[in-house]
């Protein structure tokens, strides 16, 4: 086995479990945030949470696989660490950026939902009430 193949294996052994751990953590801890965004609708919260996890896996594992390729052959252990540090670092930065993008989008949805809640009347209209006479009788 060459150093390049070893680098591929170590890269996959680090990035795939890292992606799974991040997705699991975000799903578990983000559920509370989603429940707040969707005003406690448990069904919608769970559905969106699962869809986000699937999208997260597709996007990040796709990126991990596309970023797998190494242009220059790895010659020794030092080259393995150099290559891995760049590749794993880029994957971690991408995971972090996507996490903050998700938080930003759902926070915007939550803000808009709360703003709409403030615009609605606190009491439902009771029907037509004729205006009071201008002069007392």
N, C-alpha and C. Protein backbone atom coordinates (compact mmCIF):
# COMPACT_ATOMS: atom_id res chain seq x y z
N UNK A 1 0.85 -1.18 0.00
CA UNK A 1 0.00 0.00 0.00
C UNK A 1 0.90 1.24 0.00
N UNK A 2 0.57 2.19 -0.87
CA UNK A 2 1.37 3.41 -0.96
C UNK A 2 0.90 4.42 0.08
N UNK A 3 1.69 5.45 0.26
CA UNK A 3 1.33 6.52 1.20
C UNK A 3 0.07 7.26 0.73
N UNK A 4 -0.09 7.37 -0.56
CA UNK A 4 -1.27 8.06 -1.11
C UNK A 4 -2.54 7.28 -0.76
N UNK A 5 -2.52 5.97 -0.94
CA UNK A 5 -3.69 5.15 -0.60
C UNK A 5 -3.95 5.21 0.91
N UNK A 6 -2.87 5.18 1.69
CA UNK A 6 -3.03 5.30 3.14
C UNK A 6 -3.65 6.65 3.52
N UNK A 7 -3.28 7.69 2.82
CA UNK A 7 -3.85 9.01 3.06
C UNK A 7 -5.34 9.01 2.74
N UNK A 8 -5.72 8.38 1.63
CA UNK A 8 -7.13 8.25 1.28
C UNK A 8 -7.90 7.55 2.41
N UNK A 9 -7.36 6.44 2.88
CA UNK A 9 -8.04 5.67 3.93
C UNK A 9 -8.18 6.46 5.23
N UNK A 10 -7.11 7.10 5.65
CA UNK A 10 -7.16 7.87 6.89
C UNK A 10 -8.12 9.05 6.74
N UNK A 11 -8.09 9.70 5.59
CA UNK A 11 -9.00 10.82 5.32
C UNK A 11 -10.44 10.37 5.46
N UNK A 12 -10.79 9.26 4.84
CA UNK A 12 -12.17 8.76 4.93
C UNK A 12 -12.51 8.30 6.35
N UNK A 13 -11.54 7.69 7.04
CA UNK A 13 -11.78 7.24 8.41
C UNK A 13 -11.97 8.41 9.38
N UNK A 14 -11.48 9.58 9.03
CA UNK A 14 -11.67 10.77 9.88
C UNK A 14 -12.91 11.55 9.47
N UNK A 15 -13.08 11.80 8.18
CA UNK A 15 -14.13 12.71 7.74
C UNK A 15 -15.53 12.10 7.76
N UNK A 16 -15.68 10.84 7.43
CA UNK A 16 -17.02 10.24 7.43
C UNK A 16 -17.58 10.17 8.86
N UNK A 17 -16.85 9.62 9.83
CA UNK A 17 -17.40 9.65 11.20
C UNK A 17 -17.59 11.08 11.73
N UNK A 18 -16.72 12.00 11.35
CA UNK A 18 -16.88 13.40 11.77
C UNK A 18 -18.19 13.96 11.23
N UNK A 19 -18.48 13.70 9.97
CA UNK A 19 -19.73 14.17 9.38
C UNK A 19 -20.93 13.54 10.06
N UNK A 20 -20.87 12.25 10.36
CA UNK A 20 -21.98 11.57 11.05
C UNK A 20 -22.16 12.15 12.45
N UNK A 21 -21.07 12.39 13.16
CA UNK A 21 -21.17 12.95 14.51
C UNK A 21 -21.79 14.35 14.48
N UNK A 22 -21.34 15.18 13.55
CA UNK A 22 -21.88 16.54 13.46
C UNK A 22 -23.37 16.50 13.11
N UNK A 23 -23.76 15.66 12.16
CA UNK A 23 -25.17 15.56 11.78
C UNK A 23 -26.02 15.08 12.95
N UNK A 24 -25.55 14.11 13.69
CA UNK A 24 -26.29 13.60 14.85
C UNK A 24 -26.41 14.66 15.93
N UNK A 25 -25.34 15.37 16.20
CA UNK A 25 -25.36 16.42 17.21
C UNK A 25 -26.29 17.56 16.80
N UNK A 26 -26.19 17.98 15.56
CA UNK A 26 -27.06 19.06 15.09
C UNK A 26 -28.52 18.64 15.11
N UNK A 27 -28.79 17.41 14.74
CA UNK A 27 -30.17 16.92 14.73
C UNK A 27 -30.75 16.87 16.14
N UNK A 28 -29.98 16.33 17.08
CA UNK A 28 -30.46 16.18 18.45
C UNK A 28 -30.64 17.54 19.12
N UNK A 29 -29.65 18.40 19.01
CA UNK A 29 -29.72 19.69 19.70
C UNK A 29 -30.49 20.74 18.92
N UNK A 30 -30.55 20.59 17.61
CA UNK A 30 -31.28 21.56 16.80
C UNK A 30 -32.78 21.35 16.82
N UNK A 31 -33.24 20.19 17.29
CA UNK A 31 -34.67 19.92 17.34
C UNK A 31 -35.40 20.93 18.21
N UNK A 32 -34.81 21.31 19.33
CA UNK A 32 -35.42 22.29 20.21
C UNK A 32 -35.58 23.63 19.50
N UNK A 33 -34.57 24.02 18.77
CA UNK A 33 -34.61 25.26 18.02
C UNK A 33 -35.69 25.20 16.94
N UNK A 34 -35.77 24.07 16.23
CA UNK A 34 -36.79 23.92 15.20
C UNK A 34 -38.19 23.94 15.80
N UNK A 35 -38.35 23.34 16.98
CA UNK A 35 -39.67 23.36 17.63
C UNK A 35 -40.08 24.80 17.92
N UNK A 36 -39.14 25.63 18.29
CA UNK A 36 -39.44 27.05 18.53
C UNK A 36 -39.78 27.75 17.22
N UNK A 37 -39.04 27.45 16.17
CA UNK A 37 -39.28 28.07 14.87
C UNK A 37 -40.68 27.71 14.36
N UNK A 38 -41.08 26.46 14.56
CA UNK A 38 -42.37 25.99 14.05
C UNK A 38 -43.46 25.99 15.12
N UNK A 39 -43.29 26.81 16.13
CA UNK A 39 -44.31 27.05 17.17
C UNK A 39 -44.82 25.77 17.81
N UNK A 40 -43.93 24.83 18.07
CA UNK A 40 -44.30 23.63 18.81
C UNK A 40 -44.98 22.56 17.98
N UNK A 41 -45.09 22.70 16.68
CA UNK A 41 -45.70 21.68 15.82
C UNK A 41 -44.72 20.51 15.71
N UNK A 42 -44.96 19.46 16.52
CA UNK A 42 -44.01 18.34 16.62
C UNK A 42 -43.83 17.60 15.30
N UNK A 43 -44.93 17.39 14.58
CA UNK A 43 -44.83 16.67 13.31
C UNK A 43 -43.97 17.42 12.30
N UNK A 44 -44.22 18.72 12.18
CA UNK A 44 -43.44 19.53 11.25
C UNK A 44 -41.98 19.62 11.71
N UNK A 45 -41.78 19.75 13.01
CA UNK A 45 -40.42 19.82 13.55
C UNK A 45 -39.64 18.56 13.21
N UNK A 46 -40.23 17.39 13.45
CA UNK A 46 -39.53 16.13 13.18
C UNK A 46 -39.28 15.94 11.69
N UNK A 47 -40.27 16.30 10.87
CA UNK A 47 -40.11 16.13 9.42
C UNK A 47 -38.99 17.02 8.89
N UNK A 48 -38.98 18.28 9.29
CA UNK A 48 -37.94 19.20 8.82
C UNK A 48 -36.58 18.77 9.34
N UNK A 49 -36.53 18.31 10.58
CA UNK A 49 -35.27 17.85 11.17
C UNK A 49 -34.70 16.69 10.37
N UNK A 50 -35.53 15.72 10.02
CA UNK A 50 -35.05 14.57 9.24
C UNK A 50 -34.61 14.99 7.84
N UNK A 51 -35.38 15.88 7.22
CA UNK A 51 -34.99 16.36 5.89
C UNK A 51 -33.67 17.11 5.93
N UNK A 52 -33.46 17.90 6.98
CA UNK A 52 -32.19 18.61 7.11
C UNK A 52 -31.03 17.65 7.29
N UNK A 53 -31.23 16.58 8.05
CA UNK A 53 -30.17 15.59 8.25
C UNK A 53 -29.82 14.91 6.93
N UNK A 54 -30.85 14.52 6.16
CA UNK A 54 -30.58 13.87 4.87
C UNK A 54 -29.83 14.84 3.94
N UNK A 55 -30.28 16.08 3.87
CA UNK A 55 -29.59 17.06 3.05
C UNK A 55 -28.17 17.30 3.51
N UNK A 56 -27.97 17.33 4.83
CA UNK A 56 -26.64 17.52 5.40
C UNK A 56 -25.72 16.38 4.98
N UNK A 57 -26.21 15.14 5.09
CA UNK A 57 -25.40 13.98 4.68
C UNK A 57 -25.07 14.04 3.19
N UNK A 58 -26.07 14.31 2.37
CA UNK A 58 -25.82 14.35 0.93
C UNK A 58 -24.80 15.41 0.56
N UNK A 59 -24.97 16.58 1.11
CA UNK A 59 -24.07 17.69 0.78
C UNK A 59 -22.66 17.44 1.30
N UNK A 60 -22.55 17.08 2.55
CA UNK A 60 -21.21 16.94 3.15
C UNK A 60 -20.48 15.68 2.72
N UNK A 61 -21.17 14.56 2.65
CA UNK A 61 -20.48 13.35 2.19
C UNK A 61 -20.14 13.47 0.71
N UNK A 62 -20.98 14.14 -0.06
CA UNK A 62 -20.64 14.41 -1.46
C UNK A 62 -19.39 15.27 -1.55
N UNK A 63 -19.30 16.29 -0.70
CA UNK A 63 -18.11 17.13 -0.69
C UNK A 63 -16.88 16.33 -0.27
N UNK A 64 -17.02 15.49 0.76
CA UNK A 64 -15.90 14.66 1.23
C UNK A 64 -15.38 13.78 0.09
N UNK A 65 -16.29 13.17 -0.64
CA UNK A 65 -15.88 12.28 -1.73
C UNK A 65 -15.24 13.07 -2.87
N UNK A 66 -15.83 14.21 -3.22
CA UNK A 66 -15.24 15.03 -4.29
C UNK A 66 -13.87 15.58 -3.90
N UNK A 67 -13.67 15.85 -2.63
CA UNK A 67 -12.42 16.43 -2.15
C UNK A 67 -11.38 15.35 -1.85
N UNK A 68 -11.71 14.09 -2.09
CA UNK A 68 -10.83 12.96 -1.79
C UNK A 68 -9.56 12.96 -2.66
N UNK A 69 -9.69 13.38 -3.86
CA UNK A 69 -8.59 13.29 -4.83
C UNK A 69 -7.35 14.07 -4.38
N UNK A 70 -6.20 13.45 -4.56
CA UNK A 70 -4.92 14.07 -4.25
C UNK A 70 -4.15 14.21 -5.56
N UNK A 71 -3.73 15.42 -5.89
CA UNK A 71 -3.03 15.65 -7.16
C UNK A 71 -1.58 15.17 -7.12
N UNK A 72 -0.87 15.48 -6.05
CA UNK A 72 0.53 15.08 -5.94
C UNK A 72 0.62 13.82 -5.07
N UNK A 73 1.39 12.83 -5.48
CA UNK A 73 1.50 11.63 -4.65
C UNK A 73 2.12 11.93 -3.29
N UNK A 74 1.64 11.23 -2.28
CA UNK A 74 2.18 11.38 -0.93
C UNK A 74 3.38 10.45 -0.81
N UNK A 75 4.52 11.01 -0.41
CA UNK A 75 5.77 10.25 -0.41
C UNK A 75 6.13 9.62 0.93
N UNK A 76 5.69 10.26 2.04
CA UNK A 76 6.10 9.76 3.35
C UNK A 76 5.06 10.15 4.41
N UNK A 77 5.36 9.82 5.65
CA UNK A 77 4.44 10.10 6.76
C UNK A 77 4.22 11.59 6.94
N UNK A 78 5.24 12.37 6.75
CA UNK A 78 5.12 13.82 6.85
C UNK A 78 4.15 14.35 5.79
N UNK A 79 4.24 13.84 4.58
CA UNK A 79 3.33 14.24 3.52
C UNK A 79 1.90 13.83 3.80
N UNK A 80 1.76 12.66 4.44
CA UNK A 80 0.42 12.21 4.84
C UNK A 80 -0.22 13.21 5.78
N UNK A 81 0.52 13.64 6.80
CA UNK A 81 -0.02 14.60 7.76
C UNK A 81 -0.28 15.96 7.13
N UNK A 82 0.63 16.39 6.23
CA UNK A 82 0.42 17.67 5.54
C UNK A 82 -0.85 17.64 4.71
N UNK A 83 -1.02 16.60 3.95
CA UNK A 83 -2.20 16.47 3.09
C UNK A 83 -3.47 16.36 3.92
N UNK A 84 -3.42 15.52 4.97
CA UNK A 84 -4.61 15.33 5.81
C UNK A 84 -5.00 16.62 6.54
N UNK A 85 -4.02 17.37 6.99
CA UNK A 85 -4.35 18.59 7.73
C UNK A 85 -5.12 19.57 6.85
N UNK A 86 -4.73 19.67 5.59
CA UNK A 86 -5.42 20.57 4.67
C UNK A 86 -6.81 20.02 4.35
N UNK A 87 -6.88 18.77 4.01
CA UNK A 87 -8.16 18.19 3.59
C UNK A 87 -9.17 18.14 4.74
N UNK A 88 -8.77 17.67 5.90
CA UNK A 88 -9.68 17.60 7.04
C UNK A 88 -10.04 19.01 7.50
N UNK A 89 -9.11 19.93 7.45
CA UNK A 89 -9.40 21.31 7.83
C UNK A 89 -10.44 21.94 6.93
N UNK A 90 -10.33 21.70 5.63
CA UNK A 90 -11.32 22.25 4.69
C UNK A 90 -12.69 21.63 4.94
N UNK A 91 -12.73 20.33 5.19
CA UNK A 91 -14.02 19.67 5.49
C UNK A 91 -14.63 20.25 6.77
N UNK A 92 -13.82 20.45 7.80
CA UNK A 92 -14.34 21.01 9.06
C UNK A 92 -14.83 22.44 8.87
N UNK A 93 -14.10 23.24 8.13
CA UNK A 93 -14.56 24.61 7.86
C UNK A 93 -15.86 24.61 7.06
N UNK A 94 -15.99 23.70 6.12
CA UNK A 94 -17.23 23.59 5.34
C UNK A 94 -18.38 23.18 6.23
N UNK A 95 -18.17 22.19 7.10
CA UNK A 95 -19.22 21.77 8.05
C UNK A 95 -19.65 22.95 8.93
N UNK A 96 -18.69 23.70 9.42
CA UNK A 96 -19.01 24.85 10.26
C UNK A 96 -19.76 25.93 9.51
N UNK A 97 -19.35 26.22 8.29
CA UNK A 97 -20.02 27.25 7.49
C UNK A 97 -21.45 26.85 7.18
N UNK A 98 -21.67 25.60 6.84
CA UNK A 98 -23.03 25.13 6.56
C UNK A 98 -23.89 25.17 7.82
N UNK A 99 -23.30 24.86 8.96
CA UNK A 99 -24.03 24.93 10.22
C UNK A 99 -24.49 26.37 10.49
N UNK A 100 -23.60 27.33 10.34
CA UNK A 100 -23.97 28.71 10.59
C UNK A 100 -24.98 29.22 9.57
N UNK A 101 -24.90 28.74 8.34
CA UNK A 101 -25.90 29.11 7.34
C UNK A 101 -27.28 28.59 7.73
N UNK A 102 -27.35 27.34 8.19
CA UNK A 102 -28.62 26.78 8.66
C UNK A 102 -29.18 27.57 9.83
N UNK A 103 -28.34 27.89 10.79
CA UNK A 103 -28.80 28.64 11.96
C UNK A 103 -29.31 30.02 11.53
N UNK A 104 -28.62 30.67 10.61
CA UNK A 104 -29.04 31.98 10.13
C UNK A 104 -30.41 31.91 9.46
N UNK A 105 -30.60 30.93 8.59
CA UNK A 105 -31.87 30.80 7.87
C UNK A 105 -33.01 30.53 8.84
N UNK A 106 -32.82 29.61 9.77
CA UNK A 106 -33.91 29.31 10.69
C UNK A 106 -34.15 30.43 11.69
N UNK A 107 -33.12 31.17 12.03
CA UNK A 107 -33.33 32.32 12.89
C UNK A 107 -34.13 33.39 12.16
N UNK A 108 -33.89 33.56 10.86
CA UNK A 108 -34.68 34.52 10.07
C UNK A 108 -36.13 34.07 10.00
N UNK A 109 -36.37 32.78 9.84
CA UNK A 109 -37.74 32.26 9.82
C UNK A 109 -38.40 32.50 11.18
N UNK A 110 -37.67 32.26 12.25
CA UNK A 110 -38.21 32.46 13.60
C UNK A 110 -38.55 33.93 13.84
N UNK A 111 -37.66 34.83 13.43
CA UNK A 111 -37.92 36.27 13.60
C UNK A 111 -39.16 36.69 12.84
N UNK A 112 -39.28 36.23 11.61
CA UNK A 112 -40.45 36.59 10.81
C UNK A 112 -41.73 36.03 11.42
N UNK A 113 -41.66 34.81 11.93
CA UNK A 113 -42.83 34.20 12.57
C UNK A 113 -43.24 34.99 13.81
N UNK A 114 -42.28 35.40 14.60
CA UNK A 114 -42.60 36.20 15.80
C UNK A 114 -43.12 37.58 15.43
N UNK A 115 -42.59 38.18 14.39
CA UNK A 115 -43.08 39.50 13.96
C UNK A 115 -44.52 39.39 13.47
N UNK A 116 -44.85 38.32 12.76
CA UNK A 116 -46.23 38.13 12.31
C UNK A 116 -47.15 37.90 13.49
N UNK A 117 -46.66 37.23 14.52
CA UNK A 117 -47.46 37.01 15.72
C UNK A 117 -47.78 38.31 16.43
N UNK A 118 -46.90 39.28 16.34
CA UNK A 118 -47.15 40.57 16.98
C UNK A 118 -48.16 41.40 16.19
N UNK A 119 -48.29 41.13 14.91
CA UNK A 119 -49.21 41.91 14.08
C UNK A 119 -50.66 41.44 14.19
N UNK A 120 -50.89 40.23 14.62
CA UNK A 120 -52.25 39.73 14.69
C UNK A 120 -52.96 40.31 15.91
N UNK A 121 -54.27 40.48 15.79
CA UNK A 121 -55.06 41.04 16.88
C UNK A 121 -55.09 40.05 18.04
N UNK A 122 -54.99 40.53 19.28
CA UNK A 122 -55.01 39.62 20.42
C UNK A 122 -56.38 38.99 20.64
N UNK A 123 -57.45 39.64 20.14
CA UNK A 123 -58.80 39.12 20.27
C UNK A 123 -59.40 39.05 18.88
N UNK A 124 -60.07 37.96 18.58
CA UNK A 124 -60.70 37.83 17.27
C UNK A 124 -61.83 38.84 17.14
N UNK A 125 -62.09 39.34 15.95
CA UNK A 125 -63.20 40.29 15.77
C UNK A 125 -64.52 39.65 16.18
N UNK A 126 -65.37 40.45 16.84
CA UNK A 126 -66.64 39.94 17.37
C UNK A 126 -67.80 40.24 16.43
N UNK A 127 -67.58 40.92 15.39
CA UNK A 127 -68.65 41.29 14.48
C UNK A 127 -68.71 42.80 14.36
N UNK A 128 -69.70 43.29 13.63
CA UNK A 128 -69.83 44.72 13.41
C UNK A 128 -70.42 45.38 14.64
N UNK A 129 -69.78 46.44 15.09
CA UNK A 129 -70.30 47.24 16.20
C UNK A 129 -70.61 48.63 15.63
N UNK A 130 -71.88 49.06 15.68
CA UNK A 130 -72.19 50.38 15.12
C UNK A 130 -71.51 51.48 15.92
N UNK A 131 -71.15 52.56 15.27
CA UNK A 131 -70.48 53.64 15.98
C UNK A 131 -71.43 54.28 17.02
N UNK A 132 -70.85 54.77 18.07
CA UNK A 132 -71.63 55.44 19.12
C UNK A 132 -72.16 56.75 18.57
N UNK A 133 -73.37 57.19 19.01
CA UNK A 133 -73.91 58.46 18.50
C UNK A 133 -73.00 59.61 18.91
N UNK A 134 -72.96 60.60 18.02
CA UNK A 134 -72.11 61.76 18.25
C UNK A 134 -72.60 62.62 19.40
N UNK A 135 -73.89 62.70 19.59
CA UNK A 135 -74.45 63.54 20.66
C UNK A 135 -75.24 62.67 21.62
N UNK A 136 -75.06 62.87 22.91
CA UNK A 136 -75.87 62.07 23.84
C UNK A 136 -77.34 62.47 23.79
N UNK A 137 -78.27 61.58 24.01
CA UNK A 137 -79.71 61.86 23.97
C UNK A 137 -80.26 62.04 25.32
